[in-house]
């Protein structure tokens, strides 16, 4: 047994494949492979170098080490979506090809006797088969791809390249397979569609909602971490062990709080000859 390698994993599954006739399945498989190869070629990816495990209605792909994650998510997936939309535009619903695509990364054995052993492989396949992903794709009849990525991929890739990845279009979902004792969070988008316009079961929050929540918390956190001398800036002035309060620290009502632990009036009255 060779040592496992850390690789990018892509699981792809075709919507409503089992409902097709034999001839429709045959044609769908042919178009499926053609579209994947054409999309990869269009963005400079060599699909021939990908290690794949075929499943009739989809595939598991192990991407070479030198392939950029951002190129796969930010360019390959949108190009695949564009080609699928064009392909489907001239076909009846029963003949259309719409895909669920899951992306994750982790350790995988490349020399398995009957596939690719590794928990990362199981993980990415669970994401691809998640109910929220199926529901999201079904909610947009003209869409080509529903993309789901693991939390690690969303954090390390999607949010780091916002101009290419559009993280604001993702929503956080719960992927649950109770019969397989699997429950994890992931991030979902339907390429070129607005998930905020529909209700998807299993949705926990959008990227925008989480970002707003984090922003709202920052002032509190910043205030707690701020030095005491800086926090007094809005309530007075500190000089050494003395803090002077009041309007500009001058005038009626000004007070000095010293290290002796008591307050002393340090203001001057207007009728005071001093």
C-alpha atoms as a PDB file:
ATOM      1  CA  UNK A   1       0.000   0.000   0.000  1.00  0.00           C
ATOM      2  CA  UNK A   2       1.379   3.368  -1.031  1.00  0.00           C
ATOM      3  CA  UNK A   3       1.123   6.429   1.188  1.00  0.00           C
ATOM      4  CA  UNK A   4      -2.006   8.509   0.612  1.00  0.00           C
ATOM      5  CA  UNK A   5      -1.734  11.864  -1.153  1.00  0.00           C
ATOM      6  CA  UNK A   6      -3.530  15.100  -0.443  1.00  0.00           C
ATOM      7  CA  UNK A   7      -5.559  15.964  -3.538  1.00  0.00           C
ATOM      8  CA  UNK A   8      -8.485  18.023  -4.739  1.00  0.00           C
ATOM      9  CA  UNK A   9     -11.556  15.801  -5.179  1.00  0.00           C
ATOM     10  CA  UNK A  10     -14.522  16.458  -7.446  1.00  0.00           C
ATOM     11  CA  UNK A  11     -17.733  14.441  -7.336  1.00  0.00           C
ATOM     12  CA  UNK A  12     -20.220  14.976 -10.173  1.00  0.00           C
ATOM     13  CA  UNK A  13     -23.721  13.519 -10.395  1.00  0.00           C
ATOM     14  CA  UNK A  14     -26.381  13.862 -13.084  1.00  0.00           C
ATOM     15  CA  UNK A  15     -29.886  14.937 -12.122  1.00  0.00           C
ATOM     16  CA  UNK A  16     -32.808  12.513 -12.782  1.00  0.00           C
ATOM     17  CA  UNK A  17     -30.598   9.955 -14.526  1.00  0.00           C
ATOM     18  CA  UNK A  18     -32.523   6.886 -13.342  1.00  0.00           C
ATOM     19  CA  UNK A  19     -35.770   8.268 -14.797  1.00  0.00           C
ATOM     20  CA  UNK A  20     -34.407   8.158 -18.335  1.00  0.00           C
ATOM     21  CA  UNK A  21     -34.958   5.354 -20.818  1.00  0.00           C
ATOM     22  CA  UNK A  22     -32.060   3.141 -21.878  1.00  0.00           C
ATOM     23  CA  UNK A  23     -31.422   5.194 -24.991  1.00  0.00           C
ATOM     24  CA  UNK A  24     -31.657   8.454 -23.057  1.00  0.00           C
ATOM     25  CA  UNK A  25     -29.128   7.171 -20.508  1.00  0.00           C
ATOM     26  CA  UNK A  26     -26.780   6.162 -23.309  1.00  0.00           C
ATOM     27  CA  UNK A  27     -27.009   9.607 -24.907  1.00  0.00           C
ATOM     28  CA  UNK A  28     -26.717  11.383 -21.547  1.00  0.00           C
ATOM     29  CA  UNK A  29     -23.485   9.551 -20.719  1.00  0.00           C
ATOM     30  CA  UNK A  30     -21.965  10.521 -24.056  1.00  0.00           C
ATOM     31  CA  UNK A  31     -22.899  14.186 -23.736  1.00  0.00           C
ATOM     32  CA  UNK A  32     -21.821  14.201 -20.086  1.00  0.00           C
ATOM     33  CA  UNK A  33     -18.249  13.202 -20.948  1.00  0.00           C
ATOM     34  CA  UNK A  34     -18.091  15.527 -23.961  1.00  0.00           C
ATOM     35  CA  UNK A  35     -19.235  18.537 -21.970  1.00  0.00           C
ATOM     36  CA  UNK A  36     -16.780  17.898 -19.141  1.00  0.00           C
ATOM     37  CA  UNK A  37     -13.861  17.557 -21.569  1.00  0.00           C
ATOM     38  CA  UNK A  38     -14.874  20.637 -23.555  1.00  0.00           C
ATOM     39  CA  UNK A  39     -15.250  22.787 -20.440  1.00  0.00           C
ATOM     40  CA  UNK A  40     -11.861  21.669 -19.113  1.00  0.00           C
ATOM     41  CA  UNK A  41     -10.134  22.336 -22.446  1.00  0.00           C
ATOM     42  CA  UNK A  42     -11.692  25.795 -22.628  1.00  0.00           C
ATOM     43  CA  UNK A  43     -10.032  26.857 -19.355  1.00  0.00           C
ATOM     44  CA  UNK A  44      -6.701  25.121 -19.931  1.00  0.00           C
ATOM     45  CA  UNK A  45      -7.232  21.982 -17.856  1.00  0.00           C
ATOM     46  CA  UNK A  46      -6.133  18.559 -19.106  1.00  0.00           C
ATOM     47  CA  UNK A  47      -8.929  16.165 -18.190  1.00  0.00           C
ATOM     48  CA  UNK A  48      -6.909  13.242 -19.540  1.00  0.00           C
ATOM     49  CA  UNK A  49      -4.568  13.653 -16.562  1.00  0.00           C
ATOM     50  CA  UNK A  50      -7.413  13.403 -14.055  1.00  0.00           C
ATOM     51  CA  UNK A  51      -7.866  10.079 -12.297  1.00  0.00           C
ATOM     52  CA  UNK A  52     -11.550   9.206 -12.493  1.00  0.00           C
ATOM     53  CA  UNK A  53     -13.925   6.577 -11.207  1.00  0.00           C
ATOM     54  CA  UNK A  54     -16.987   6.355 -13.430  1.00  0.00           C
ATOM     55  CA  UNK A  55     -20.499   5.675 -12.161  1.00  0.00           C
ATOM     56  CA  UNK A  56     -22.781   5.890 -15.193  1.00  0.00           C
ATOM     57  CA  UNK A  57     -24.637   8.946 -13.964  1.00  0.00           C
ATOM     58  CA  UNK A  58     -21.497  10.720 -12.785  1.00  0.00           C
ATOM     59  CA  UNK A  59     -17.899  10.387 -11.720  1.00  0.00           C
ATOM     60  CA  UNK A  60     -15.394  10.918  -8.965  1.00  0.00           C
ATOM     61  CA  UNK A  61     -12.291  12.775 -10.135  1.00  0.00           C
ATOM     62  CA  UNK A  62      -8.904  13.057  -8.424  1.00  0.00           C
ATOM     63  CA  UNK A  63      -7.211  16.193  -9.736  1.00  0.00           C
ATOM     64  CA  UNK A  64      -3.427  16.357 -10.277  1.00  0.00           C
ATOM     65  CA  UNK A  65      -1.398  18.150  -7.601  1.00  0.00           C
ATOM     66  CA  UNK A  66      -0.392  21.005  -9.896  1.00  0.00           C
ATOM     67  CA  UNK A  67      -3.969  22.024 -10.724  1.00  0.00           C
ATOM     68  CA  UNK A  68      -5.121  25.213  -8.998  1.00  0.00           C
ATOM     69  CA  UNK A  69      -8.229  24.937  -6.833  1.00  0.00           C
ATOM     70  CA  UNK A  70      -9.243  28.444  -7.862  1.00  0.00           C
ATOM     71  CA  UNK A  71      -9.081  27.490 -11.533  1.00  0.00           C
ATOM     72  CA  UNK A  72     -11.340  24.500 -10.947  1.00  0.00           C
ATOM     73  CA  UNK A  73     -13.951  26.410  -8.918  1.00  0.00           C
ATOM     74  CA  UNK A  74     -13.631  29.865 -10.430  1.00  0.00           C
ATOM     75  CA  UNK A  75     -13.254  28.945 -14.103  1.00  0.00           C
ATOM     76  CA  UNK A  76     -13.986  25.282 -14.848  1.00  0.00           C
ATOM     77  CA  UNK A  77     -17.305  25.088 -12.987  1.00  0.00           C
ATOM     78  CA  UNK A  78     -18.720  28.319 -14.516  1.00  0.00           C
ATOM     79  CA  UNK A  79     -17.600  27.206 -17.990  1.00  0.00           C
ATOM     80  CA  UNK A  80     -19.262  23.828 -17.469  1.00  0.00           C
ATOM     81  CA  UNK A  81     -22.433  25.606 -16.374  1.00  0.00           C
ATOM     82  CA  UNK A  82     -22.374  27.828 -19.470  1.00  0.00           C
ATOM     83  CA  UNK A  83     -22.001  24.860 -21.806  1.00  0.00           C
ATOM     84  CA  UNK A  84     -24.723  22.900 -20.050  1.00  0.00           C
ATOM     85  CA  UNK A  85     -27.155  25.804 -20.368  1.00  0.00           C
ATOM     86  CA  UNK A  86     -26.400  26.084 -24.070  1.00  0.00           C
ATOM     87  CA  UNK A  87     -26.716  22.314 -24.522  1.00  0.00           C
ATOM     88  CA  UNK A  88     -30.066  22.211 -22.714  1.00  0.00           C
ATOM     89  CA  UNK A  89     -31.582  25.228 -24.435  1.00  0.00           C
ATOM     90  CA  UNK A  90     -32.464  23.186 -27.539  1.00  0.00           C
ATOM     91  CA  UNK A  91     -33.589  19.992 -25.781  1.00  0.00           C
ATOM     92  CA  UNK A  92     -36.707  18.688 -24.125  1.00  0.00           C
ATOM     93  CA  UNK A  93     -36.577  18.505 -20.302  1.00  0.00           C
ATOM     94  CA  UNK A  94     -36.162  14.717 -20.358  1.00  0.00           C
ATOM     95  CA  UNK A  95     -32.999  15.014 -22.428  1.00  0.00           C
ATOM     96  CA  UNK A  96     -31.357  17.852 -20.519  1.00  0.00           C
ATOM     97  CA  UNK A  97     -28.199  17.360 -18.484  1.00  0.00           C
ATOM     98  CA  UNK A  98     -27.967  19.157 -15.154  1.00  0.00           C
ATOM     99  CA  UNK A  99     -25.238  18.421 -12.664  1.00  0.00           C
ATOM    100  CA  UNK A 100     -24.502  18.491  -8.975  1.00  0.00           C
ATOM    101  CA  UNK A 101     -20.803  19.171  -8.423  1.00  0.00           C
ATOM    102  CA  UNK A 102     -19.060  18.764  -5.055  1.00  0.00           C
ATOM    103  CA  UNK A 103     -15.502  19.856  -4.285  1.00  0.00           C
ATOM    104  CA  UNK A 104     -13.388  18.887  -1.281  1.00  0.00           C
ATOM    105  CA  UNK A 105      -9.752  18.123  -0.549  1.00  0.00           C
ATOM    106  CA  UNK A 106      -8.047  15.537   1.615  1.00  0.00           C
ATOM    107  CA  UNK A 107      -5.953  12.408   1.789  1.00  0.00           C
ATOM    108  CA  UNK A 108      -6.730   9.658  -0.700  1.00  0.00           C
ATOM    109  CA  UNK A 109      -5.067   6.368  -1.683  1.00  0.00           C
ATOM    110  CA  UNK A 110      -4.483   6.277  -5.410  1.00  0.00           C
ATOM    111  CA  UNK A 111      -3.690   2.550  -5.579  1.00  0.00           C
ATOM    112  CA  UNK A 112      -6.950   1.076  -4.257  1.00  0.00           C
ATOM    113  CA  UNK A 113      -7.987  -2.280  -5.648  1.00  0.00           C
ATOM    114  CA  UNK A 114     -11.504  -1.120  -6.497  1.00  0.00           C
ATOM    115  CA  UNK A 115     -11.514   2.653  -6.356  1.00  0.00           C
ATOM    116  CA  UNK A 116      -9.937   5.368  -4.231  1.00  0.00           C
ATOM    117  CA  UNK A 117      -9.949   4.613  -0.485  1.00  0.00           C
ATOM    118  CA  UNK A 118     -10.096   7.575   1.863  1.00  0.00           C
ATOM    119  CA  UNK A 119     -12.511   9.418   4.129  1.00  0.00           C
ATOM    120  CA  UNK A 120     -12.156  12.511   1.936  1.00  0.00           C
ATOM    121  CA  UNK A 121     -13.645  10.522  -0.950  1.00  0.00           C
ATOM    122  CA  UNK A 122     -16.597   9.465   1.190  1.00  0.00           C
ATOM    123  CA  UNK A 123     -17.001  13.062   2.334  1.00  0.00           C
ATOM    124  CA  UNK A 124     -17.152  14.620  -1.136  1.00  0.00           C
ATOM    125  CA  UNK A 125     -19.628  11.988  -2.323  1.00  0.00           C
ATOM    126  CA  UNK A 126     -21.869  12.708   0.681  1.00  0.00           C
ATOM    127  CA  UNK A 127     -21.824  16.406  -0.226  1.00  0.00           C
ATOM    128  CA  UNK A 128     -22.800  15.680  -3.815  1.00  0.00           C
ATOM    129  CA  UNK A 129     -25.722  13.514  -2.715  1.00  0.00           C
ATOM    130  CA  UNK A 130     -27.039  16.016  -0.149  1.00  0.00           C
ATOM    131  CA  UNK A 131     -30.753  16.802  -0.216  1.00  0.00           C
ATOM    132  CA  UNK A 132     -30.300  20.613  -0.076  1.00  0.00           C
ATOM    133  CA  UNK A 133     -28.136  20.431  -3.209  1.00  0.00           C
ATOM    134  CA  UNK A 134     -30.794  18.441  -5.064  1.00  0.00           C
ATOM    135  CA  UNK A 135     -33.540  20.827  -3.944  1.00  0.00           C
ATOM    136  CA  UNK A 136     -31.535  23.894  -4.940  1.00  0.00           C
ATOM    137  CA  UNK A 137     -30.889  22.595  -8.456  1.00  0.00           C
ATOM    138  CA  UNK A 138     -34.533  21.611  -8.870  1.00  0.00           C
ATOM    139  CA  UNK A 139     -35.600  25.138  -7.893  1.00  0.00           C
ATOM    140  CA  UNK A 140     -33.911  26.612 -10.984  1.00  0.00           C
ATOM    141  CA  UNK A 141     -35.059  24.768 -14.139  1.00  0.00           C
ATOM    142  CA  UNK A 142     -32.671  26.660 -16.405  1.00  0.00           C
ATOM    143  CA  UNK A 143     -29.566  26.151 -14.271  1.00  0.00           C
ATOM    144  CA  UNK A 144     -26.751  23.853 -15.326  1.00  0.00           C
ATOM    145  CA  UNK A 145     -24.737  23.321 -12.127  1.00  0.00           C
ATOM    146  CA  UNK A 146     -25.388  23.293  -8.398  1.00  0.00           C
ATOM    147  CA  UNK A 147     -21.995  23.580  -6.696  1.00  0.00           C
ATOM    148  CA  UNK A 148     -21.359  22.503  -3.112  1.00  0.00           C
ATOM    149  CA  UNK A 149     -17.976  22.865  -1.431  1.00  0.00           C
ATOM    150  CA  UNK A 150     -16.669  21.812   1.955  1.00  0.00           C
ATOM    151  CA  UNK A 151     -16.148  24.395   4.692  1.00  0.00           C
ATOM    152  CA  UNK A 152     -12.372  24.165   4.171  1.00  0.00           C
ATOM    153  CA  UNK A 153     -12.654  24.874   0.447  1.00  0.00           C
ATOM    154  CA  UNK A 154     -15.038  27.767   1.051  1.00  0.00           C
ATOM    155  CA  UNK A 155     -12.729  29.312   3.663  1.00  0.00           C
ATOM    156  CA  UNK A 156      -9.396  28.715   1.919  1.00  0.00           C
ATOM    157  CA  UNK A 157     -10.384  29.208  -1.718  1.00  0.00           C
ATOM    158  CA  UNK A 158     -13.788  30.807  -2.284  1.00  0.00           C
ATOM    159  CA  UNK A 159     -13.483  33.642   0.234  1.00  0.00           C
ATOM    160  CA  UNK A 160      -9.863  34.340  -0.697  1.00  0.00           C
ATOM    161  CA  UNK A 161     -10.693  35.085  -4.351  1.00  0.00           C
ATOM    162  CA  UNK A 162     -14.042  36.904  -4.153  1.00  0.00           C
ATOM    163  CA  UNK A 163     -13.893  38.423  -7.646  1.00  0.00           C
ATOM    164  CA  UNK A 164     -13.690  34.969  -9.231  1.00  0.00           C
ATOM    165  CA  UNK A 165     -15.723  32.930  -6.763  1.00  0.00           C
ATOM    166  CA  UNK A 166     -18.553  35.313  -5.760  1.00  0.00           C
ATOM    167  CA  UNK A 167     -18.753  34.060  -2.122  1.00  0.00           C
ATOM    168  CA  UNK A 168     -21.850  36.230  -1.529  1.00  0.00           C
ATOM    169  CA  UNK A 169     -23.792  33.806  -3.747  1.00  0.00           C
ATOM    170  CA  UNK A 170     -23.124  30.877  -1.425  1.00  0.00           C
ATOM    171  CA  UNK A 171     -25.304  29.743   1.455  1.00  0.00           C
ATOM    172  CA  UNK A 172     -24.240  27.530   4.325  1.00  0.00           C
ATOM    173  CA  UNK A 173     -26.164  24.262   4.485  1.00  0.00           C
ATOM    174  CA  UNK A 174     -26.311  21.233   6.710  1.00  0.00           C
ATOM    175  CA  UNK A 175     -25.516  17.970   4.929  1.00  0.00           C
ATOM    176  CA  UNK A 176     -27.177  15.176   6.854  1.00  0.00           C
ATOM    177  CA  UNK A 177     -27.273  11.463   6.096  1.00  0.00           C
ATOM    178  CA  UNK A 178     -28.641  10.013   9.370  1.00  0.00           C
ATOM    179  CA  UNK A 179     -28.568   6.436   8.120  1.00  0.00           C
ATOM    180  CA  UNK A 180     -24.823   6.846   7.507  1.00  0.00           C
ATOM    181  CA  UNK A 181     -24.149   8.835  10.694  1.00  0.00           C
ATOM    182  CA  UNK A 182     -22.991  11.790   8.647  1.00  0.00           C
ATOM    183  CA  UNK A 183     -23.729  15.409   9.535  1.00  0.00           C
ATOM    184  CA  UNK A 184     -21.537  18.275   8.344  1.00  0.00           C
ATOM    185  CA  UNK A 185     -21.825  21.876   7.213  1.00  0.00           C
ATOM    186  CA  UNK A 186     -20.991  22.869   3.632  1.00  0.00           C
ATOM    187  CA  UNK A 187     -21.472  25.811   1.256  1.00  0.00           C
ATOM    188  CA  UNK A 188     -23.815  25.784  -1.723  1.00  0.00           C
ATOM    189  CA  UNK A 189     -24.509  27.912  -4.779  1.00  0.00           C
ATOM    190  CA  UNK A 190     -26.416  27.436  -8.021  1.00  0.00           C
ATOM    191  CA  UNK A 191     -24.148  28.983 -10.633  1.00  0.00           C
ATOM    192  CA  UNK A 192     -25.533  32.260 -12.034  1.00  0.00           C
ATOM    193  CA  UNK A 193     -28.675  32.026  -9.908  1.00  0.00           C
ATOM    194  CA  UNK A 194     -29.821  33.806  -6.739  1.00  0.00           C
ATOM    195  CA  UNK A 195     -30.421  31.326  -3.943  1.00  0.00           C
ATOM    196  CA  UNK A 196     -31.851  34.103  -1.799  1.00  0.00           C
ATOM    197  CA  UNK A 197     -34.919  34.065  -4.059  1.00  0.00           C
ATOM    198  CA  UNK A 198     -35.949  30.542  -3.021  1.00  0.00           C
ATOM    199  CA  UNK A 199     -36.290  28.523   0.160  1.00  0.00           C
ATOM    200  CA  UNK A 200     -33.885  25.601   0.328  1.00  0.00           C
ATOM    201  CA  UNK A 201     -34.387  23.061   3.159  1.00  0.00           C
ATOM    202  CA  UNK A 202     -31.256  22.680   5.238  1.00  0.00           C
ATOM    203  CA  UNK A 203     -30.017  26.236   4.647  1.00  0.00           C
ATOM    204  CA  UNK A 204     -28.361  27.685   7.739  1.00  0.00           C
ATOM    205  CA  UNK A 205     -27.194  31.139   6.580  1.00  0.00           C
ATOM    206  CA  UNK A 206     -25.925  33.039   3.578  1.00  0.00           C
ATOM    207  CA  UNK A 207     -22.359  34.281   3.332  1.00  0.00           C
ATOM    208  CA  UNK A 208     -23.700  37.839   3.522  1.00  0.00           C
ATOM    209  CA  UNK A 209     -25.635  37.122   6.719  1.00  0.00           C
ATOM    210  CA  UNK A 210     -22.620  35.557   8.381  1.00  0.00           C
ATOM    211  CA  UNK A 211     -20.420  38.442   7.286  1.00  0.00           C
ATOM    212  CA  UNK A 212     -22.880  40.958   8.717  1.00  0.00           C
ATOM    213  CA  UNK A 213     -23.012  39.064  11.994  1.00  0.00           C
ATOM    214  CA  UNK A 214     -19.236  39.061  12.248  1.00  0.00           C
ATOM    215  CA  UNK A 215     -19.093  42.785  11.448  1.00  0.00           C
ATOM    216  CA  UNK A 216     -21.676  43.520  14.130  1.00  0.00           C
ATOM    217  CA  UNK A 217     -19.562  41.691  16.688  1.00  0.00           C
ATOM    218  CA  UNK A 218     -16.315  43.462  15.812  1.00  0.00           C
ATOM    219  CA  UNK A 219     -16.951  46.772  17.652  1.00  0.00           C
ATOM    220  CA  UNK A 220     -17.634  44.870  20.886  1.00  0.00           C
ATOM    221  CA  UNK A 221     -14.588  42.691  20.452  1.00  0.00           C
ATOM    222  CA  UNK A 222     -12.471  45.682  19.520  1.00  0.00           C
ATOM    223  CA  UNK A 223     -13.630  47.616  22.569  1.00  0.00           C
ATOM    224  CA  UNK A 224     -12.822  44.716  24.861  1.00  0.00           C
ATOM    225  CA  UNK A 225      -9.368  44.351  23.375  1.00  0.00           C
ATOM    226  CA  UNK A 226      -8.702  48.124  23.354  1.00  0.00           C
ATOM    227  CA  UNK A 227      -6.318  49.462  26.005  1.00  0.00           C
ATOM    228  CA  UNK A 228      -7.972  51.284  28.903  1.00  0.00           C
ATOM    229  CA  UNK A 229      -6.193  54.510  27.993  1.00  0.00           C
ATOM    230  CA  UNK A 230      -7.718  54.441  24.495  1.00  0.00           C
ATOM    231  CA  UNK A 231     -11.221  53.573  25.704  1.00  0.00           C
ATOM    232  CA  UNK A 232     -11.277  56.711  27.849  1.00  0.00           C
ATOM    233  CA  UNK A 233     -10.813  58.838  24.768  1.00  0.00           C
ATOM    234  CA  UNK A 234     -14.573  59.262  24.308  1.00  0.00           C
ATOM    235  CA  UNK A 235     -15.338  59.801  27.992  1.00  0.00           C
ATOM    236  CA  UNK A 236     -12.467  62.043  29.020  1.00  0.00           C
ATOM    237  CA  UNK A 237      -8.708  62.487  28.968  1.00  0.00           C
ATOM    238  CA  UNK A 238      -6.164  60.522  30.965  1.00  0.00           C
ATOM    239  CA  UNK A 239      -2.906  62.060  32.063  1.00  0.00           C
ATOM    240  CA  UNK A 240      -0.828  59.703  34.095  1.00  0.00           C
ATOM    241  CA  UNK A 241      -3.060  58.443  36.883  1.00  0.00           C
ATOM    242  CA  UNK A 242      -5.619  61.236  36.445  1.00  0.00           C
ATOM    243  CA  UNK A 243      -8.606  61.167  34.131  1.00  0.00           C
ATOM    244  CA  UNK A 244     -10.380  64.442  33.479  1.00  0.00           C
ATOM    245  CA  UNK A 245     -14.032  64.288  32.406  1.00  0.00           C
ATOM    246  CA  UNK A 246     -16.327  66.913  30.953  1.00  0.00           C
ATOM    247  CA  UNK A 247     -16.671  68.998  27.806  1.00  0.00           C
ATOM    248  CA  UNK A 248     -13.137  69.237  26.459  1.00  0.00           C
ATOM    249  CA  UNK A 249     -12.049  68.545  30.026  1.00  0.00           C
ATOM    250  CA  UNK A 250     -12.709  72.237  30.797  1.00  0.00           C
ATOM    251  CA  UNK A 251     -15.719  74.027  32.233  1.00  0.00           C
ATOM    252  CA  UNK A 252     -18.572  73.228  34.594  1.00  0.00           C
ATOM    253  CA  UNK A 253     -18.980  69.628  35.540  1.00  0.00           C
ATOM    254  CA  UNK A 254     -15.387  68.612  34.826  1.00  0.00           C
ATOM    255  CA  UNK A 255     -14.097  66.038  37.286  1.00  0.00           C
ATOM    256  CA  UNK A 256     -10.762  64.489  38.034  1.00  0.00           C
ATOM    257  CA  UNK A 257     -10.480  60.902  39.149  1.00  0.00           C
ATOM    258  CA  UNK A 258      -7.135  60.186  40.689  1.00  0.00           C
ATOM    259  CA  UNK A 259      -5.362  57.141  41.976  1.00  0.00           C
ATOM    260  CA  UNK A 260      -6.523  57.990  45.504  1.00  0.00           C
ATOM    261  CA  UNK A 261      -9.917  56.501  44.565  1.00  0.00           C
ATOM    262  CA  UNK A 262     -12.176  59.574  45.024  1.00  0.00           C
ATOM    263  CA  UNK A 263     -13.611  62.268  42.751  1.00  0.00           C
ATOM    264  CA  UNK A 264     -12.654  65.936  43.085  1.00  0.00           C
ATOM    265  CA  UNK A 265     -14.228  68.903  41.346  1.00  0.00           C
ATOM    266  CA  UNK A 266     -11.687  70.619  39.171  1.00  0.00           C
ATOM    267  CA  UNK A 267     -14.025  72.874  37.143  1.00  0.00           C
ATOM    268  CA  UNK A 268     -14.253  76.634  37.420  1.00  0.00           C
ATOM    269  CA  UNK A 269     -17.431  78.665  37.732  1.00  0.00           C
ATOM    270  CA  UNK A 270     -17.999  81.603  35.460  1.00  0.00           C
ATOM    271  CA  UNK A 271     -18.495  83.972  38.448  1.00  0.00           C
ATOM    272  CA  UNK A 272     -15.356  82.665  40.157  1.00  0.00           C
ATOM    273  CA  UNK A 273     -12.805  85.501  40.171  1.00  0.00           C
ATOM    274  CA  UNK A 274     -10.090  82.942  39.666  1.00  0.00           C
END
